[in-house]
């Protein structure tokens, strides 16, 4: 980006700034020009981790990975094959690895020991 002002050059070499209206009949130079127009390198863009598969005792969390590239037109999802050479980004991780608290486990009742009465 650059500053563009309407100026008048005097015979002595001095320059006087004048209002933009003075140059209204002239084509105004651009204040911006494109730069860094090459695309940025590809990158993995993971989504948020999903809920853990277990509440305790060791579960697994999963997430999807997408390949993205920042281009002149904006951030774009591209084919995963463009990101295959990049360092690995985990799509799975262990979660809730703490031991589960103790709990009772009861089986089914067997046949009654008496035919009647109690």
PDB file of N, CA and C in Angstrom:
ATOM      1  N   UNK A   1       0.856  -1.166   0.000  1.00  0.00           N
ATOM      2  CA  UNK A   1       0.000   0.000   0.000  1.00  0.00           C
ATOM      3  C   UNK A   1       0.906   1.235   0.000  1.00  0.00           C
ATOM      4  N   UNK A   2       0.432   2.276  -0.630  1.00  0.00           N
ATOM      5  CA  UNK A   2       1.203   3.515  -0.669  1.00  0.00           C
ATOM      6  C   UNK A   2       0.268   4.712  -0.580  1.00  0.00           C
ATOM      7  N   UNK A   3       0.861   5.860  -0.243  1.00  0.00           N
ATOM      8  CA  UNK A   3       0.115   7.109  -0.153  1.00  0.00           C
ATOM      9  C   UNK A   3       0.101   7.771  -1.528  1.00  0.00           C
ATOM     10  N   UNK A   4      -1.036   8.297  -1.937  1.00  0.00           N
ATOM     11  CA  UNK A   4      -1.155   9.025  -3.205  1.00  0.00           C
ATOM     12  C   UNK A   4      -1.759  10.379  -2.886  1.00  0.00           C
ATOM     13  N   UNK A   5      -1.022  11.442  -3.254  1.00  0.00           N
ATOM     14  CA  UNK A   5      -1.494  12.806  -2.991  1.00  0.00           C
ATOM     15  C   UNK A   5      -1.392  13.623  -4.273  1.00  0.00           C
ATOM     16  N   UNK A   6      -2.232  14.608  -4.405  1.00  0.00           N
ATOM     17  CA  UNK A   6      -2.157  15.547  -5.519  1.00  0.00           C
ATOM     18  C   UNK A   6      -1.142  16.622  -5.144  1.00  0.00           C
ATOM     19  N   UNK A   7      -0.127  16.827  -6.010  1.00  0.00           N
ATOM     20  CA  UNK A   7       0.964  17.764  -5.736  1.00  0.00           C
ATOM     21  C   UNK A   7       1.193  18.679  -6.939  1.00  0.00           C
ATOM     22  N   UNK A   8       1.744  19.820  -6.680  1.00  0.00           N
ATOM     23  CA  UNK A   8       2.161  20.733  -7.746  1.00  0.00           C
ATOM     24  C   UNK A   8       3.659  20.979  -7.574  1.00  0.00           C
ATOM     25  N   UNK A   9       4.409  20.723  -8.644  1.00  0.00           N
ATOM     26  CA  UNK A   9       5.849  20.941  -8.631  1.00  0.00           C
ATOM     27  C   UNK A   9       6.130  22.379  -9.033  1.00  0.00           C
ATOM     28  N   UNK A  10       6.816  23.128  -8.215  1.00  0.00           N
ATOM     29  CA  UNK A  10       7.185  24.522  -8.489  1.00  0.00           C
ATOM     30  C   UNK A  10       8.489  24.554  -9.283  1.00  0.00           C
ATOM     31  N   UNK A  11       8.745  25.662  -9.942  1.00  0.00           N
ATOM     32  CA  UNK A  11       9.959  25.828 -10.741  1.00  0.00           C
ATOM     33  C   UNK A  11      11.225  25.660  -9.931  1.00  0.00           C
ATOM     34  N   UNK A  12      11.169  25.950  -8.666  1.00  0.00           N
ATOM     35  CA  UNK A  12      12.355  25.855  -7.808  1.00  0.00           C
ATOM     36  C   UNK A  12      12.634  24.419  -7.375  1.00  0.00           C
ATOM     37  N   UNK A  13      11.780  23.505  -7.759  1.00  0.00           N
ATOM     38  CA  UNK A  13      11.924  22.117  -7.334  1.00  0.00           C
ATOM     39  C   UNK A  13      11.112  21.792  -6.101  1.00  0.00           C
ATOM     40  N   UNK A  14      10.537  22.793  -5.490  1.00  0.00           N
ATOM     41  CA  UNK A  14       9.705  22.562  -4.308  1.00  0.00           C
ATOM     42  C   UNK A  14       8.392  21.925  -4.748  1.00  0.00           C
ATOM     43  N   UNK A  15       7.819  21.174  -3.850  1.00  0.00           N
ATOM     44  CA  UNK A  15       6.555  20.484  -4.123  1.00  0.00           C
ATOM     45  C   UNK A  15       5.528  20.974  -3.116  1.00  0.00           C
ATOM     46  N   UNK A  16       4.360  21.335  -3.626  1.00  0.00           N
ATOM     47  CA  UNK A  16       3.266  21.762  -2.751  1.00  0.00           C
ATOM     48  C   UNK A  16       2.136  20.746  -2.847  1.00  0.00           C
ATOM     49  N   UNK A  17       1.649  20.317  -1.695  1.00  0.00           N
ATOM     50  CA  UNK A  17       0.479  19.455  -1.675  1.00  0.00           C
ATOM     51  C   UNK A  17      -0.763  20.292  -1.853  1.00  0.00           C
ATOM     52  N   UNK A  18      -1.658  19.824  -2.693  1.00  0.00           N
ATOM     53  CA  UNK A  18      -2.928  20.513  -2.907  1.00  0.00           C
ATOM     54  C   UNK A  18      -4.050  19.504  -2.724  1.00  0.00           C
ATOM     55  N   UNK A  19      -5.256  19.962  -2.636  1.00  0.00           N
ATOM     56  CA  UNK A  19      -6.386  19.049  -2.446  1.00  0.00           C
ATOM     57  C   UNK A  19      -6.573  18.111  -3.637  1.00  0.00           C
ATOM     58  N   UNK A  20      -7.154  16.964  -3.400  1.00  0.00           N
ATOM     59  CA  UNK A  20      -7.388  15.972  -4.449  1.00  0.00           C
ATOM     60  C   UNK A  20      -8.228  16.528  -5.598  1.00  0.00           C
ATOM     61  N   UNK A  21      -9.076  17.498  -5.337  1.00  0.00           N
ATOM     62  CA  UNK A  21      -9.933  18.073  -6.379  1.00  0.00           C
ATOM     63  C   UNK A  21      -9.096  18.703  -7.486  1.00  0.00           C
ATOM     64  N   UNK A  22      -7.913  19.189  -7.170  1.00  0.00           N
ATOM     65  CA  UNK A  22      -7.038  19.816  -8.160  1.00  0.00           C
ATOM     66  C   UNK A  22      -6.619  18.798  -9.224  1.00  0.00           C
ATOM     67  N   UNK A  23      -6.517  17.540  -8.872  1.00  0.00           N
ATOM     68  CA  UNK A  23      -6.112  16.484  -9.810  1.00  0.00           C
ATOM     69  C   UNK A  23      -7.317  15.708 -10.344  1.00  0.00           C
ATOM     70  N   UNK A  24      -8.516  16.202 -10.153  1.00  0.00           N
ATOM     71  CA  UNK A  24      -9.721  15.422 -10.496  1.00  0.00           C
ATOM     72  C   UNK A  24      -9.788  15.028 -11.965  1.00  0.00           C
ATOM     73  N   UNK A  25      -9.185  15.766 -12.864  1.00  0.00           N
ATOM     74  CA  UNK A  25      -9.222  15.414 -14.278  1.00  0.00           C
ATOM     75  C   UNK A  25      -8.170  14.375 -14.661  1.00  0.00           C
ATOM     76  N   UNK A  26      -7.323  14.007 -13.740  1.00  0.00           N
ATOM     77  CA  UNK A  26      -6.243  13.052 -14.007  1.00  0.00           C
ATOM     78  C   UNK A  26      -6.591  11.672 -13.449  1.00  0.00           C
ATOM     79  N   UNK A  27      -6.005  10.677 -14.043  1.00  0.00           N
ATOM     80  CA  UNK A  27      -6.204   9.314 -13.548  1.00  0.00           C
ATOM     81  C   UNK A  27      -5.406   9.144 -12.252  1.00  0.00           C
ATOM     82  N   UNK A  28      -6.064   8.750 -11.187  1.00  0.00           N
ATOM     83  CA  UNK A  28      -5.406   8.590  -9.882  1.00  0.00           C
ATOM     84  C   UNK A  28      -4.611   7.289  -9.871  1.00  0.00           C
ATOM     85  N   UNK A  29      -3.347   7.326  -9.483  1.00  0.00           N
ATOM     86  CA  UNK A  29      -2.556   6.092  -9.379  1.00  0.00           C
ATOM     87  C   UNK A  29      -3.145   5.164  -8.314  1.00  0.00           C
ATOM     88  N   UNK A  30      -2.907   3.881  -8.480  1.00  0.00           N
ATOM     89  CA  UNK A  30      -3.398   2.890  -7.507  1.00  0.00           C
ATOM     90  C   UNK A  30      -2.684   3.080  -6.171  1.00  0.00           C
ATOM     91  N   UNK A  31      -3.424   2.820  -5.096  1.00  0.00           N
ATOM     92  CA  UNK A  31      -2.810   2.864  -3.768  1.00  0.00           C
ATOM     93  C   UNK A  31      -2.373   1.468  -3.329  1.00  0.00           C
ATOM     94  N   UNK A  32      -2.851   0.456  -4.024  1.00  0.00           N
ATOM     95  CA  UNK A  32      -2.500  -0.938  -3.690  1.00  0.00           C
ATOM     96  C   UNK A  32      -2.140  -1.692  -4.952  1.00  0.00           C
ATOM     97  N   UNK A  33      -1.292  -2.699  -4.772  1.00  0.00           N
ATOM     98  CA  UNK A  33      -1.003  -3.614  -5.872  1.00  0.00           C
ATOM     99  C   UNK A  33      -0.894  -5.016  -5.294  1.00  0.00           C
ATOM    100  N   UNK A  34      -1.166  -5.978  -6.124  1.00  0.00           N
ATOM    101  CA  UNK A  34      -1.091  -7.371  -5.682  1.00  0.00           C
ATOM    102  C   UNK A  34       0.353  -7.730  -5.362  1.00  0.00           C
ATOM    103  N   UNK A  35       0.533  -8.485  -4.315  1.00  0.00           N
ATOM    104  CA  UNK A  35       1.859  -8.997  -3.957  1.00  0.00           C
ATOM    105  C   UNK A  35       1.665 -10.356  -3.286  1.00  0.00           C
ATOM    106  N   UNK A  36       2.704 -11.089  -3.195  1.00  0.00           N
ATOM    107  CA  UNK A  36       2.632 -12.430  -2.608  1.00  0.00           C
ATOM    108  C   UNK A  36       1.478 -13.222  -3.220  1.00  0.00           C
ATOM    109  N   UNK A  37       1.448 -13.292  -4.529  1.00  0.00           N
ATOM    110  CA  UNK A  37       0.321 -13.917  -5.223  1.00  0.00           C
ATOM    111  C   UNK A  37       0.460 -15.433  -5.339  1.00  0.00           C
ATOM    112  N   UNK A  38       1.591 -15.988  -4.920  1.00  0.00           N
ATOM    113  CA  UNK A  38       1.707 -17.441  -4.978  1.00  0.00           C
ATOM    114  C   UNK A  38       0.891 -18.059  -3.841  1.00  0.00           C
ATOM    115  N   UNK A  39       0.400 -19.247  -4.088  1.00  0.00           N
ATOM    116  CA  UNK A  39      -0.394 -19.936  -3.075  1.00  0.00           C
ATOM    117  C   UNK A  39       0.480 -20.318  -1.884  1.00  0.00           C
ATOM    118  N   UNK A  40      -0.106 -20.341  -0.713  1.00  0.00           N
ATOM    119  CA  UNK A  40       0.600 -20.787   0.482  1.00  0.00           C
ATOM    120  C   UNK A  40       0.707 -22.310   0.450  1.00  0.00           C
ATOM    121  N   UNK A  41       1.628 -22.872   1.231  1.00  0.00           N
ATOM    122  CA  UNK A  41       1.755 -24.336   1.263  1.00  0.00           C
ATOM    123  C   UNK A  41       0.483 -25.001   1.795  1.00  0.00           C
ATOM    124  N   UNK A  42       0.292 -26.225   1.387  1.00  0.00           N
ATOM    125  CA  UNK A  42      -0.854 -27.003   1.872  1.00  0.00           C
ATOM    126  C   UNK A  42      -0.677 -27.247   3.365  1.00  0.00           C
ATOM    127  N   UNK A  43      -1.796 -27.481   4.059  1.00  0.00           N
ATOM    128  CA  UNK A  43      -1.737 -27.768   5.495  1.00  0.00           C
ATOM    129  C   UNK A  43      -2.938 -28.623   5.892  1.00  0.00           C
ATOM    130  N   UNK A  44      -2.752 -29.418   6.929  1.00  0.00           N
ATOM    131  CA  UNK A  44      -3.862 -30.173   7.503  1.00  0.00           C
ATOM    132  C   UNK A  44      -4.701 -29.230   8.350  1.00  0.00           C
ATOM    133  N   UNK A  45      -6.013 -29.360   8.259  1.00  0.00           N
ATOM    134  CA  UNK A  45      -6.943 -28.573   9.059  1.00  0.00           C
ATOM    135  C   UNK A  45      -7.877 -29.556   9.756  1.00  0.00           C
ATOM    136  N   UNK A  46      -7.565 -29.942  10.998  1.00  0.00           N
ATOM    137  CA  UNK A  46      -8.407 -30.938  11.684  1.00  0.00           C
ATOM    138  C   UNK A  46      -9.669 -30.307  12.245  1.00  0.00           C
ATOM    139  N   UNK A  47     -10.740 -31.096  12.270  1.00  0.00           N
ATOM    140  CA  UNK A  47     -11.954 -30.626  12.950  1.00  0.00           C
ATOM    141  C   UNK A  47     -11.796 -30.917  14.434  1.00  0.00           C
ATOM    142  N   UNK A  48     -12.735 -30.491  15.238  1.00  0.00           N
ATOM    143  CA  UNK A  48     -12.671 -30.701  16.690  1.00  0.00           C
ATOM    144  C   UNK A  48     -12.759 -32.197  17.009  1.00  0.00           C
ATOM    145  N   UNK A  49     -12.168 -32.575  18.132  1.00  0.00           N
ATOM    146  CA  UNK A  49     -12.245 -33.960  18.581  1.00  0.00           C
ATOM    147  C   UNK A  49     -13.688 -34.326  18.886  1.00  0.00           C
ATOM    148  N   UNK A  50     -14.085 -35.515  18.503  1.00  0.00           N
ATOM    149  CA  UNK A  50     -15.428 -36.020  18.835  1.00  0.00           C
ATOM    150  C   UNK A  50     -15.434 -36.504  20.280  1.00  0.00           C
ATOM    151  N   UNK A  51     -16.611 -36.818  20.769  1.00  0.00           N
ATOM    152  CA  UNK A  51     -16.764 -37.289  22.140  1.00  0.00           C
ATOM    153  C   UNK A  51     -16.014 -38.603  22.333  1.00  0.00           C
ATOM    154  N   UNK A  52     -15.480 -38.798  23.516  1.00  0.00           N
ATOM    155  CA  UNK A  52     -14.752 -40.022  23.851  1.00  0.00           C
ATOM    156  C   UNK A  52     -15.704 -41.216  23.812  1.00  0.00           C
ATOM    157  N   UNK A  53     -15.188 -42.349  23.365  1.00  0.00           N
ATOM    158  CA  UNK A  53     -16.024 -43.552  23.233  1.00  0.00           C
ATOM    159  C   UNK A  53     -16.376 -44.188  24.575  1.00  0.00           C
ATOM    160  N   UNK A  54     -15.633 -43.848  25.639  1.00  0.00           N
ATOM    161  CA  UNK A  54     -15.912 -44.391  26.974  1.00  0.00           C
ATOM    162  C   UNK A  54     -15.747 -43.291  27.999  1.00  0.00           C
ATOM    163  N   UNK A  55     -16.470 -43.397  29.118  1.00  0.00           N
ATOM    164  CA  UNK A  55     -16.373 -42.390  30.170  1.00  0.00           C
ATOM    165  C   UNK A  55     -15.214 -42.667  31.126  1.00  0.00           C
ATOM    166  N   UNK A  56     -14.687 -43.889  31.130  1.00  0.00           N
ATOM    167  CA  UNK A  56     -13.536 -44.243  31.955  1.00  0.00           C
ATOM    168  C   UNK A  56     -12.945 -45.541  31.414  1.00  0.00           C
ATOM    169  N   UNK A  57     -11.767 -45.887  31.902  1.00  0.00           N
ATOM    170  CA  UNK A  57     -11.169 -47.157  31.507  1.00  0.00           C
ATOM    171  C   UNK A  57     -10.498 -47.140  30.147  1.00  0.00           C
ATOM    172  N   UNK A  58     -10.355 -46.000  29.544  1.00  0.00           N
ATOM    173  CA  UNK A  58      -9.655 -45.897  28.269  1.00  0.00           C
ATOM    174  C   UNK A  58     -10.580 -45.967  27.080  1.00  0.00           C
ATOM    175  N   UNK A  59     -10.761 -44.849  26.458  1.00  0.00           N
ATOM    176  CA  UNK A  59     -11.580 -44.778  25.251  1.00  0.00           C
ATOM    177  C   UNK A  59     -10.774 -44.184  24.113  1.00  0.00           C
ATOM    178  N   UNK A  60     -11.464 -43.850  23.048  1.00  0.00           N
ATOM    179  CA  UNK A  60     -10.825 -43.290  21.858  1.00  0.00           C
ATOM    180  C   UNK A  60     -11.627 -42.087  21.385  1.00  0.00           C
ATOM    181  N   UNK A  61     -10.922 -41.061  20.965  1.00  0.00           N
ATOM    182  CA  UNK A  61     -11.533 -39.899  20.327  1.00  0.00           C
ATOM    183  C   UNK A  61     -11.047 -39.847  18.890  1.00  0.00           C
ATOM    184  N   UNK A  62     -11.957 -39.494  18.006  1.00  0.00           N
ATOM    185  CA  UNK A  62     -11.629 -39.385  16.590  1.00  0.00           C
ATOM    186  C   UNK A  62     -11.917 -37.970  16.094  1.00  0.00           C
ATOM    187  N   UNK A  63     -11.276 -37.607  15.012  1.00  0.00           N
ATOM    188  CA  UNK A  63     -11.574 -36.349  14.329  1.00  0.00           C
ATOM    189  C   UNK A  63     -11.211 -36.515  12.862  1.00  0.00           C
ATOM    190  N   UNK A  64     -11.889 -35.746  12.024  1.00  0.00           N
ATOM    191  CA  UNK A  64     -11.599 -35.763  10.593  1.00  0.00           C
ATOM    192  C   UNK A  64     -10.503 -34.750  10.293  1.00  0.00           C
ATOM    193  N   UNK A  65      -9.703 -35.071   9.299  1.00  0.00           N
ATOM    194  CA  UNK A  65      -8.649 -34.169   8.841  1.00  0.00           C
ATOM    195  C   UNK A  65      -8.962 -33.742   7.419  1.00  0.00           C
ATOM    196  N   UNK A  66      -8.817 -32.466   7.155  1.00  0.00           N
ATOM    197  CA  UNK A  66      -9.038 -31.930   5.815  1.00  0.00           C
ATOM    198  C   UNK A  66      -7.758 -31.247   5.356  1.00  0.00           C
ATOM    199  N   UNK A  67      -7.501 -31.314   4.081  1.00  0.00           N
ATOM    200  CA  UNK A  67      -6.337 -30.663   3.491  1.00  0.00           C
ATOM    201  C   UNK A  67      -6.791 -29.306   2.953  1.00  0.00           C
ATOM    202  N   UNK A  68      -6.081 -28.241   3.340  1.00  0.00           N
ATOM    203  CA  UNK A  68      -6.442 -26.885   2.933  1.00  0.00           C
ATOM    204  C   UNK A  68      -5.230 -26.162   2.358  1.00  0.00           C
ATOM    205  N   UNK A  69      -5.524 -25.150   1.575  1.00  0.00           N
ATOM    206  CA  UNK A  69      -4.494 -24.273   1.044  1.00  0.00           C
ATOM    207  C   UNK A  69      -5.053 -22.856   0.961  1.00  0.00           C
ATOM    208  N   UNK A  70      -4.251 -21.894   1.426  1.00  0.00           N
ATOM    209  CA  UNK A  70      -4.633 -20.490   1.317  1.00  0.00           C
ATOM    210  C   UNK A  70      -4.176 -20.001  -0.044  1.00  0.00           C
ATOM    211  N   UNK A  71      -5.127 -19.563  -0.856  1.00  0.00           N
ATOM    212  CA  UNK A  71      -4.835 -19.071  -2.196  1.00  0.00           C
ATOM    213  C   UNK A  71      -5.228 -17.601  -2.276  1.00  0.00           C
ATOM    214  N   UNK A  72      -4.955 -16.996  -3.400  1.00  0.00           N
ATOM    215  CA  UNK A  72      -5.329 -15.590  -3.604  1.00  0.00           C
ATOM    216  C   UNK A  72      -6.837 -15.431  -3.412  1.00  0.00           C
ATOM    217  N   UNK A  73      -7.619 -16.453  -3.773  1.00  0.00           N
ATOM    218  CA  UNK A  73      -9.074 -16.386  -3.652  1.00  0.00           C
ATOM    219  C   UNK A  73      -9.605 -16.695  -2.264  1.00  0.00           C
ATOM    220  N   UNK A  74      -8.741 -17.120  -1.338  1.00  0.00           N
ATOM    221  CA  UNK A  74      -9.185 -17.453   0.013  1.00  0.00           C
ATOM    222  C   UNK A  74      -8.746 -18.860   0.390  1.00  0.00           C
ATOM    223  N   UNK A  75      -9.190 -19.309   1.549  1.00  0.00           N
ATOM    224  CA  UNK A  75      -8.845 -20.626   2.070  1.00  0.00           C
ATOM    225  C   UNK A  75      -9.709 -21.666   1.373  1.00  0.00           C
ATOM    226  N   UNK A  76      -9.077 -22.693   0.793  1.00  0.00           N
ATOM    227  CA  UNK A  76      -9.827 -23.700   0.028  1.00  0.00           C
ATOM    228  C   UNK A  76      -9.472 -25.106   0.475  1.00  0.00           C
ATOM    229  N   UNK A  77     -10.502 -25.943   0.607  1.00  0.00           N
ATOM    230  CA  UNK A  77     -10.262 -27.363   0.863  1.00  0.00           C
ATOM    231  C   UNK A  77      -9.826 -27.993  -0.452  1.00  0.00           C
ATOM    232  N   UNK A  78      -8.745 -28.784  -0.395  1.00  0.00           N
ATOM    233  CA  UNK A  78      -8.219 -29.440  -1.587  1.00  0.00           C
ATOM    234  C   UNK A  78      -8.097 -30.935  -1.325  1.00  0.00           C
ATOM    235  N   UNK A  79      -7.738 -31.693  -2.331  1.00  0.00           N
ATOM    236  CA  UNK A  79      -7.612 -33.143  -2.212  1.00  0.00           C
ATOM    237  C   UNK A  79      -6.588 -33.524  -1.142  1.00  0.00           C
ATOM    238  N   UNK A  80      -6.890 -34.554  -0.365  1.00  0.00           N
ATOM    239  CA  UNK A  80      -6.001 -35.035   0.695  1.00  0.00           C
ATOM    240  C   UNK A  80      -4.632 -35.428   0.153  1.00  0.00           C
ATOM    241  N   UNK A  81      -4.556 -35.806  -1.090  1.00  0.00           N
ATOM    242  CA  UNK A  81      -3.279 -36.271  -1.649  1.00  0.00           C
ATOM    243  C   UNK A  81      -2.215 -35.173  -1.620  1.00  0.00           C
ATOM    244  N   UNK A  82      -2.635 -33.909  -1.621  1.00  0.00           N
ATOM    245  CA  UNK A  82      -1.677 -32.810  -1.575  1.00  0.00           C
ATOM    246  C   UNK A  82      -1.029 -32.669  -0.192  1.00  0.00           C
ATOM    247  N   UNK A  83      -1.637 -33.241   0.832  1.00  0.00           N
ATOM    248  CA  UNK A  83      -1.114 -33.132   2.199  1.00  0.00           C
ATOM    249  C   UNK A  83      -0.413 -34.409   2.665  1.00  0.00           C
ATOM    250  N   UNK A  84      -0.401 -35.449   1.854  1.00  0.00           N
ATOM    251  CA  UNK A  84       0.139 -36.734   2.289  1.00  0.00           C
ATOM    252  C   UNK A  84       1.612 -36.663   2.690  1.00  0.00           C
ATOM    253  N   UNK A  85       2.379 -35.771   2.084  1.00  0.00           N
ATOM    254  CA  UNK A  85       3.806 -35.676   2.396  1.00  0.00           C
ATOM    255  C   UNK A  85       4.081 -34.820   3.646  1.00  0.00           C
ATOM    256  N   UNK A  86       3.069 -34.202   4.189  1.00  0.00           N
ATOM    257  CA  UNK A  86       3.234 -33.352   5.374  1.00  0.00           C
ATOM    258  C   UNK A  86       3.399 -34.209   6.626  1.00  0.00           C
ATOM    259  N   UNK A  87       3.974 -33.648   7.685  1.00  0.00           N
ATOM    260  CA  UNK A  87       4.054 -34.401   8.944  1.00  0.00           C
ATOM    261  C   UNK A  87       2.658 -34.856   9.384  1.00  0.00           C
ATOM    262  N   UNK A  88       2.633 -36.024   9.982  1.00  0.00           N
ATOM    263  CA  UNK A  88       1.356 -36.618  10.394  1.00  0.00           C
ATOM    264  C   UNK A  88       0.664 -35.768  11.453  1.00  0.00           C
ATOM    265  N   UNK A  89      -0.631 -35.644  11.322  1.00  0.00           N
ATOM    266  CA  UNK A  89      -1.483 -34.988  12.307  1.00  0.00           C
ATOM    267  C   UNK A  89      -2.411 -36.073  12.836  1.00  0.00           C
ATOM    268  N   UNK A  90      -2.486 -36.262  14.148  1.00  0.00           N
ATOM    269  CA  UNK A  90      -3.294 -37.369  14.660  1.00  0.00           C
ATOM    270  C   UNK A  90      -4.787 -37.188  14.386  1.00  0.00           C
ATOM    271  N   UNK A  91      -5.410 -38.281  14.000  1.00  0.00           N
ATOM    272  CA  UNK A  91      -6.861 -38.280  13.809  1.00  0.00           C
ATOM    273  C   UNK A  91      -7.541 -39.149  14.871  1.00  0.00           C
ATOM    274  N   UNK A  92      -6.723 -39.736  15.755  1.00  0.00           N
ATOM    275  CA  UNK A  92      -7.230 -40.596  16.822  1.00  0.00           C
ATOM    276  C   UNK A  92      -6.347 -40.390  18.046  1.00  0.00           C
ATOM    277  N   UNK A  93      -6.980 -40.358  19.222  1.00  0.00           N
ATOM    278  CA  UNK A  93      -6.204 -40.231  20.462  1.00  0.00           C
ATOM    279  C   UNK A  93      -6.918 -40.947  21.598  1.00  0.00           C
ATOM    280  N   UNK A  94      -6.126 -41.361  22.587  1.00  0.00           N
ATOM    281  CA  UNK A  94      -6.683 -41.998  23.780  1.00  0.00           C
ATOM    282  C   UNK A  94      -7.341 -40.928  24.643  1.00  0.00           C
ATOM    283  N   UNK A  95      -8.389 -41.321  25.360  1.00  0.00           N
ATOM    284  CA  UNK A  95      -9.095 -40.397  26.245  1.00  0.00           C
ATOM    285  C   UNK A  95      -9.679 -41.158  27.424  1.00  0.00           C
ATOM    286  N   UNK A  96      -9.999 -40.426  28.467  1.00  0.00           N
ATOM    287  CA  UNK A  96     -10.599 -40.994  29.683  1.00  0.00           C
ATOM    288  C   UNK A  96      -9.873 -42.272  30.107  1.00  0.00           C
ATOM    289  N   UNK A  97      -8.567 -42.144  30.266  1.00  0.00           N
ATOM    290  CA  UNK A  97      -7.735 -43.309  30.578  1.00  0.00           C
ATOM    291  C   UNK A  97      -7.739 -43.660  32.068  1.00  0.00           C
ATOM    292  N   UNK A  98      -8.389 -42.849  32.891  1.00  0.00           N
ATOM    293  CA  UNK A  98      -8.441 -43.150  34.321  1.00  0.00           C
ATOM    294  C   UNK A  98      -9.240 -44.435  34.557  1.00  0.00           C
ATOM    295  N   UNK A  99      -8.890 -45.139  35.663  1.00  0.00           N
ATOM    296  CA  UNK A  99      -9.608 -46.374  35.996  1.00  0.00           C
ATOM    297  C   UNK A  99     -11.064 -46.065  36.318  1.00  0.00           C
ATOM    298  N   UNK A 100     -11.924 -46.974  35.978  1.00  0.00           N
ATOM    299  CA  UNK A 100     -13.343 -46.822  36.320  1.00  0.00           C
ATOM    300  C   UNK A 100     -13.516 -47.094  37.815  1.00  0.00           C
ATOM    301  N   UNK A 101     -14.468 -46.418  38.466  1.00  0.00           N
ATOM    302  CA  UNK A 101     -14.707 -46.670  39.897  1.00  0.00           C
ATOM    303  C   UNK A 101     -15.300 -48.063  40.094  1.00  0.00           C
ATOM    304  N   UNK A 102     -15.125 -48.644  41.297  1.00  0.00           N
ATOM    305  CA  UNK A 102     -15.701 -49.978  41.542  1.00  0.00           C
ATOM    306  C   UNK A 102     -17.227 -49.922  41.491  1.00  0.00           C
ATOM    307  N   UNK A 103     -17.819 -51.034  41.131  1.00  0.00           N
ATOM    308  CA  UNK A 103     -19.280 -51.133  41.113  1.00  0.00           C
ATOM    309  C   UNK A 103     -19.673 -52.589  41.305  1.00  0.00           C
ATOM    310  N   UNK A 104     -20.856 -52.791  41.810  1.00  0.00           N
ATOM    311  CA  UNK A 104     -21.372 -54.143  42.003  1.00  0.00           C
ATOM    312  C   UNK A 104     -21.769 -54.726  40.662  1.00  0.00           C
ATOM    313  N   UNK A 105     -21.554 -56.027  40.550  1.00  0.00           N
ATOM    314  CA  UNK A 105     -22.012 -56.752  39.372  1.00  0.00           C
ATOM    315  C   UNK A 105     -22.800 -57.950  39.886  1.00  0.00           C
ATOM    316  N   UNK A 106     -24.061 -58.042  39.545  1.00  0.00           N
ATOM    317  CA  UNK A 106     -24.918 -59.118  40.063  1.00  0.00           C
ATOM    318  C   UNK A 106     -25.416 -59.975  38.916  1.00  0.00           C
ATOM    319  N   UNK A 107     -25.314 -61.287  39.109  1.00  0.00           N
ATOM    320  CA  UNK A 107     -25.818 -62.207  38.101  1.00  0.00           C
ATOM    321  C   UNK A 107     -27.302 -62.477  38.324  1.00  0.00           C
ATOM    322  N   UNK A 108     -27.876 -63.349  37.521  1.00  0.00           N
ATOM    323  CA  UNK A 108     -29.300 -63.716  37.632  1.00  0.00           C
ATOM    324  C   UNK A 108     -29.494 -64.641  38.834  1.00  0.00           C
ATOM    325  N   UNK A 109     -30.663 -64.557  39.433  1.00  0.00           N
ATOM    326  CA  UNK A 109     -30.994 -65.460  40.529  1.00  0.00           C
ATOM    327  C   UNK A 109     -31.125 -66.876  39.999  1.00  0.00           C
ATOM    328  N   UNK A 110     -30.686 -67.842  40.833  1.00  0.00           N
ATOM    329  CA  UNK A 110     -30.858 -69.243  40.490  1.00  0.00           C
ATOM    330  C   UNK A 110     -32.240 -69.714  40.950  1.00  0.00           C
ATOM    331  N   UNK A 111     -32.540 -71.009  40.792  1.00  0.00           N
ATOM    332  CA  UNK A 111     -33.850 -71.533  41.206  1.00  0.00           C
ATOM    333  C   UNK A 111     -34.012 -71.422  42.725  1.00  0.00           C
ATOM    334  N   UNK A 112     -35.227 -71.305  43.182  1.00  0.00           N
ATOM    335  CA  UNK A 112     -35.531 -71.162  44.601  1.00  0.00           C
ATOM    336  C   UNK A 112     -35.172 -72.446  45.318  1.00  0.00           C
ATOM    337  N   UNK A 113     -34.651 -72.302  46.546  1.00  0.00           N
ATOM    338  CA  UNK A 113     -34.219 -73.484  47.333  1.00  0.00           C
ATOM    339  C   UNK A 113     -35.401 -74.137  48.040  1.00  0.00           C
ATOM    340  N   UNK A 114     -36.536 -73.496  48.109  1.00  0.00           N
ATOM    341  CA  UNK A 114     -37.711 -74.081  48.759  1.00  0.00           C
ATOM    342  C   UNK A 114     -38.887 -74.010  47.801  1.00  0.00           C
ATOM    343  N   UNK A 115     -39.783 -74.975  47.942  1.00  0.00           N
ATOM    344  CA  UNK A 115     -40.938 -75.012  47.056  1.00  0.00           C
ATOM    345  C   UNK A 115     -42.054 -74.080  47.536  1.00  0.00           C
ATOM    346  N   UNK A 116     -42.131 -73.810  48.843  1.00  0.00           N
ATOM    347  CA  UNK A 116     -43.150 -72.919  49.362  1.00  0.00           C
ATOM    348  C   UNK A 116     -42.752 -72.380  50.708  1.00  0.00           C
ATOM    349  N   UNK A 117     -43.418 -71.342  51.171  1.00  0.00           N
ATOM    350  CA  UNK A 117     -43.282 -70.856  52.530  1.00  0.00           C
ATOM    351  C   UNK A 117     -42.344 -69.689  52.752  1.00  0.00           C
ATOM    352  N   UNK A 118     -41.220 -69.654  52.200  1.00  0.00           N
ATOM    353  CA  UNK A 118     -40.334 -68.544  52.537  1.00  0.00           C
ATOM    354  C   UNK A 118     -39.555 -68.098  51.350  1.00  0.00           C
TER     355      UNK A 118
END
